[in-house]
Amino acid sequence: MNKVKIQICVGTWSYVMGGAQLMNLQEELPENIKDKVEIKGTVSIPGCEDGTTKKPPFASVNDRIIEEANIEKLIKEIEVELSK
């Protein structure tokens, strides 16, 4: 099984709007999915630059952009990906 790939935007806009907390995602994951997820920070996620229509912080789950990301939302998205 391929790992679910998570990118967390640590660019200034996302970081100050809550992205800093997203970097704790690995510690917050349920034990049964920790080894099925690959997490990395990135300066910018393609497509998140438009500050007029999209809301930070941003993350991506298998290249799908998640706006207003938080730990709970990302865990739900990871579970959806793992159920496919």
N, C-alpha and C. Protein backbone atom coordinates (compact mmCIF):
# COMPACT_ATOMS: atom_id res chain seq x y z
N MET A 1 0.84 -1.18 0.00
CA MET A 1 0.00 0.00 0.00
C MET A 1 0.89 1.24 0.00
N ASN A 2 0.58 2.19 -0.88
CA ASN A 2 1.29 3.45 -0.91
C ASN A 2 0.90 4.31 0.28
N LYS A 3 1.85 5.09 0.75
CA LYS A 3 1.57 5.98 1.87
C LYS A 3 0.77 7.19 1.37
N VAL A 4 -0.07 7.72 2.25
CA VAL A 4 -0.79 8.95 1.97
C VAL A 4 0.23 10.08 2.12
N LYS A 5 0.34 10.90 1.08
CA LYS A 5 1.33 11.98 1.09
C LYS A 5 0.68 13.30 1.53
N ILE A 6 1.20 13.83 2.62
CA ILE A 6 0.70 15.07 3.18
C ILE A 6 1.78 16.14 3.00
N GLN A 7 1.37 17.28 2.46
CA GLN A 7 2.25 18.44 2.40
C GLN A 7 1.59 19.53 3.23
N ILE A 8 2.38 20.15 4.07
CA ILE A 8 1.89 21.24 4.90
C ILE A 8 2.61 22.51 4.47
N CYS A 9 1.85 23.52 4.10
CA CYS A 9 2.44 24.77 3.67
C CYS A 9 2.99 25.51 4.89
N VAL A 10 4.28 25.81 4.85
CA VAL A 10 4.91 26.57 5.91
C VAL A 10 5.34 27.95 5.41
N GLY A 11 4.75 28.35 4.26
CA GLY A 11 4.97 29.71 3.78
C GLY A 11 4.38 30.68 4.80
N THR A 12 4.82 31.92 4.77
CA THR A 12 4.45 32.90 5.79
C THR A 12 2.95 33.00 6.00
N TRP A 13 2.20 33.12 4.92
CA TRP A 13 0.76 33.32 5.02
C TRP A 13 0.09 32.15 5.75
N SER A 14 0.39 30.94 5.33
CA SER A 14 -0.19 29.76 5.99
C SER A 14 0.33 29.60 7.41
N TYR A 15 1.64 29.82 7.58
CA TYR A 15 2.26 29.60 8.89
C TYR A 15 1.62 30.47 9.97
N VAL A 16 1.44 31.75 9.68
CA VAL A 16 0.88 32.64 10.71
C VAL A 16 -0.62 32.44 10.91
N MET A 17 -1.28 31.81 9.94
CA MET A 17 -2.71 31.57 10.05
C MET A 17 -3.04 30.19 10.63
N GLY A 18 -2.04 29.51 11.18
CA GLY A 18 -2.29 28.24 11.85
C GLY A 18 -1.48 27.07 11.34
N GLY A 19 -0.73 27.27 10.28
CA GLY A 19 0.05 26.18 9.71
C GLY A 19 1.13 25.66 10.64
N ALA A 20 1.60 26.51 11.55
CA ALA A 20 2.64 26.07 12.49
C ALA A 20 2.15 24.88 13.31
N GLN A 21 0.89 24.91 13.73
CA GLN A 21 0.33 23.81 14.52
C GLN A 21 0.20 22.53 13.70
N LEU A 22 0.03 22.68 12.39
CA LEU A 22 -0.12 21.49 11.54
C LEU A 22 1.14 20.64 11.51
N MET A 23 2.27 21.24 11.81
CA MET A 23 3.52 20.48 11.81
C MET A 23 3.55 19.44 12.93
N ASN A 24 2.60 19.50 13.85
CA ASN A 24 2.48 18.50 14.92
C ASN A 24 1.59 17.32 14.51
N LEU A 25 1.20 17.28 13.26
CA LEU A 25 0.26 16.25 12.79
C LEU A 25 0.74 14.84 13.12
N GLN A 26 2.01 14.54 12.91
CA GLN A 26 2.52 13.18 13.14
C GLN A 26 2.22 12.70 14.56
N GLU A 27 2.39 13.60 15.53
CA GLU A 27 2.15 13.21 16.93
C GLU A 27 0.66 13.02 17.23
N GLU A 28 -0.20 13.64 16.44
CA GLU A 28 -1.64 13.58 16.68
C GLU A 28 -2.35 12.44 15.94
N LEU A 29 -1.64 11.80 15.02
CA LEU A 29 -2.26 10.71 14.26
C LEU A 29 -2.57 9.52 15.15
N PRO A 30 -3.71 8.86 14.91
CA PRO A 30 -3.99 7.61 15.62
C PRO A 30 -2.88 6.58 15.32
N GLU A 31 -2.56 5.77 16.28
CA GLU A 31 -1.48 4.79 16.14
C GLU A 31 -1.65 3.90 14.91
N ASN A 32 -2.88 3.54 14.58
CA ASN A 32 -3.11 2.60 13.48
C ASN A 32 -2.85 3.19 12.10
N ILE A 33 -2.64 4.50 11.99
CA ILE A 33 -2.35 5.07 10.67
C ILE A 33 -1.01 5.80 10.59
N LYS A 34 -0.29 5.90 11.69
CA LYS A 34 0.98 6.65 11.70
C LYS A 34 1.96 6.16 10.65
N ASP A 35 2.06 4.86 10.46
CA ASP A 35 3.03 4.32 9.51
C ASP A 35 2.53 4.33 8.07
N LYS A 36 1.32 4.85 7.84
CA LYS A 36 0.74 4.88 6.50
C LYS A 36 0.74 6.29 5.91
N VAL A 37 1.44 7.21 6.59
CA VAL A 37 1.40 8.61 6.20
C VAL A 37 2.82 9.15 6.07
N GLU A 38 3.04 9.92 5.03
CA GLU A 38 4.31 10.62 4.82
C GLU A 38 4.01 12.11 4.87
N ILE A 39 4.65 12.83 5.79
CA ILE A 39 4.37 14.25 6.00
C ILE A 39 5.62 15.06 5.72
N LYS A 40 5.44 16.16 4.99
CA LYS A 40 6.57 17.07 4.81
C LYS A 40 6.05 18.50 4.72
N GLY A 41 6.90 19.43 5.12
CA GLY A 41 6.59 20.84 5.00
C GLY A 41 7.05 21.34 3.64
N THR A 42 6.38 22.34 3.14
CA THR A 42 6.76 22.94 1.88
C THR A 42 6.51 24.44 1.96
N VAL A 43 7.28 25.21 1.22
CA VAL A 43 7.12 26.66 1.26
C VAL A 43 5.81 27.08 0.65
N SER A 44 5.37 26.37 -0.36
CA SER A 44 4.10 26.72 -0.98
C SER A 44 3.53 25.50 -1.68
N ILE A 45 2.23 25.37 -1.59
CA ILE A 45 1.53 24.30 -2.28
C ILE A 45 0.96 24.91 -3.57
N PRO A 46 1.23 24.32 -4.72
CA PRO A 46 0.71 24.89 -5.96
C PRO A 46 -0.80 25.11 -5.88
N GLY A 47 -1.20 26.33 -6.25
CA GLY A 47 -2.63 26.64 -6.24
C GLY A 47 -3.10 27.37 -5.00
N CYS A 48 -2.27 27.48 -3.97
CA CYS A 48 -2.72 28.13 -2.73
C CYS A 48 -2.35 29.61 -2.69
N GLU A 49 -1.71 30.11 -3.73
CA GLU A 49 -1.20 31.48 -3.72
C GLU A 49 -2.28 32.54 -3.83
N ASP A 50 -3.45 32.19 -4.30
CA ASP A 50 -4.51 33.17 -4.53
C ASP A 50 -5.15 33.56 -3.20
N GLY A 51 -4.70 34.67 -2.65
CA GLY A 51 -5.17 35.11 -1.34
C GLY A 51 -6.57 35.70 -1.33
N THR A 52 -7.19 35.82 -2.49
CA THR A 52 -8.52 36.43 -2.52
C THR A 52 -9.64 35.42 -2.41
N THR A 53 -9.41 34.19 -2.83
CA THR A 53 -10.49 33.21 -2.83
C THR A 53 -10.23 31.99 -1.97
N LYS A 54 -9.00 31.80 -1.57
CA LYS A 54 -8.67 30.61 -0.78
C LYS A 54 -8.22 31.02 0.60
N LYS A 55 -8.48 30.15 1.57
CA LYS A 55 -8.24 30.50 2.97
C LYS A 55 -7.19 29.60 3.61
N PRO A 56 -6.16 30.22 4.19
CA PRO A 56 -5.10 29.45 4.86
C PRO A 56 -5.56 28.98 6.23
N PRO A 57 -4.83 28.09 6.86
CA PRO A 57 -3.62 27.45 6.36
C PRO A 57 -3.96 26.36 5.34
N PHE A 58 -2.96 26.06 4.53
CA PHE A 58 -3.13 25.09 3.46
C PHE A 58 -2.32 23.83 3.73
N ALA A 59 -2.86 22.74 3.26
CA ALA A 59 -2.15 21.47 3.26
C ALA A 59 -2.65 20.73 2.02
N SER A 60 -1.99 19.67 1.67
CA SER A 60 -2.51 18.82 0.60
C SER A 60 -2.45 17.37 1.05
N VAL A 61 -3.43 16.63 0.62
CA VAL A 61 -3.52 15.21 0.90
C VAL A 61 -3.54 14.52 -0.45
N ASN A 62 -2.46 13.79 -0.76
CA ASN A 62 -2.30 13.18 -2.08
C ASN A 62 -2.59 14.19 -3.18
N ASP A 63 -1.98 15.37 -3.07
CA ASP A 63 -2.04 16.46 -4.06
C ASP A 63 -3.39 17.18 -4.14
N ARG A 64 -4.30 16.88 -3.25
CA ARG A 64 -5.58 17.61 -3.20
C ARG A 64 -5.46 18.69 -2.14
N ILE A 65 -5.64 19.95 -2.53
CA ILE A 65 -5.47 21.07 -1.60
C ILE A 65 -6.60 21.11 -0.59
N ILE A 66 -6.22 21.30 0.66
CA ILE A 66 -7.17 21.45 1.76
C ILE A 66 -7.01 22.88 2.29
N GLU A 67 -8.09 23.65 2.24
CA GLU A 67 -8.08 25.00 2.78
C GLU A 67 -8.51 24.96 4.24
N GLU A 68 -8.16 26.01 4.97
CA GLU A 68 -8.50 26.11 6.39
C GLU A 68 -8.19 24.80 7.11
N ALA A 69 -7.01 24.27 6.80
CA ALA A 69 -6.61 22.97 7.35
C ALA A 69 -6.39 23.05 8.85
N ASN A 70 -6.77 21.98 9.51
CA ASN A 70 -6.47 21.79 10.93
C ASN A 70 -6.20 20.31 11.13
N ILE A 71 -5.72 19.96 12.29
CA ILE A 71 -5.34 18.56 12.56
C ILE A 71 -6.52 17.62 12.33
N GLU A 72 -7.68 17.96 12.87
CA GLU A 72 -8.85 17.09 12.76
C GLU A 72 -9.27 16.89 11.31
N LYS A 73 -9.26 17.98 10.55
CA LYS A 73 -9.66 17.90 9.14
C LYS A 73 -8.68 17.01 8.36
N LEU A 74 -7.40 17.16 8.65
CA LEU A 74 -6.40 16.35 7.94
C LEU A 74 -6.52 14.88 8.30
N ILE A 75 -6.78 14.57 9.56
CA ILE A 75 -6.95 13.17 9.95
C ILE A 75 -8.15 12.56 9.21
N LYS A 76 -9.24 13.30 9.11
CA LYS A 76 -10.41 12.80 8.38
C LYS A 76 -10.07 12.56 6.92
N GLU A 77 -9.35 13.48 6.31
CA GLU A 77 -8.97 13.34 4.90
C GLU A 77 -8.05 12.14 4.70
N ILE A 78 -7.14 11.92 5.63
CA ILE A 78 -6.23 10.77 5.56
C ILE A 78 -7.06 9.48 5.65
N GLU A 79 -8.00 9.43 6.56
CA GLU A 79 -8.84 8.24 6.70
C GLU A 79 -9.64 7.97 5.42
N VAL A 80 -10.11 9.02 4.76
CA VAL A 80 -10.83 8.85 3.50
C VAL A 80 -9.90 8.23 2.46
N GLU A 81 -8.69 8.77 2.37
CA GLU A 81 -7.72 8.24 1.40
C GLU A 81 -7.38 6.77 1.68
N LEU A 82 -7.23 6.43 2.94
CA LEU A 82 -6.89 5.05 3.29
C LEU A 82 -8.04 4.08 3.04
N SER A 83 -9.26 4.59 2.99
CA SER A 83 -10.42 3.72 2.76
C SER A 83 -10.66 3.43 1.29
N LYS A 84 -9.93 4.11 0.41
CA LYS A 84 -10.12 3.91 -1.04
C LYS A 84 -9.53 2.60 -1.49
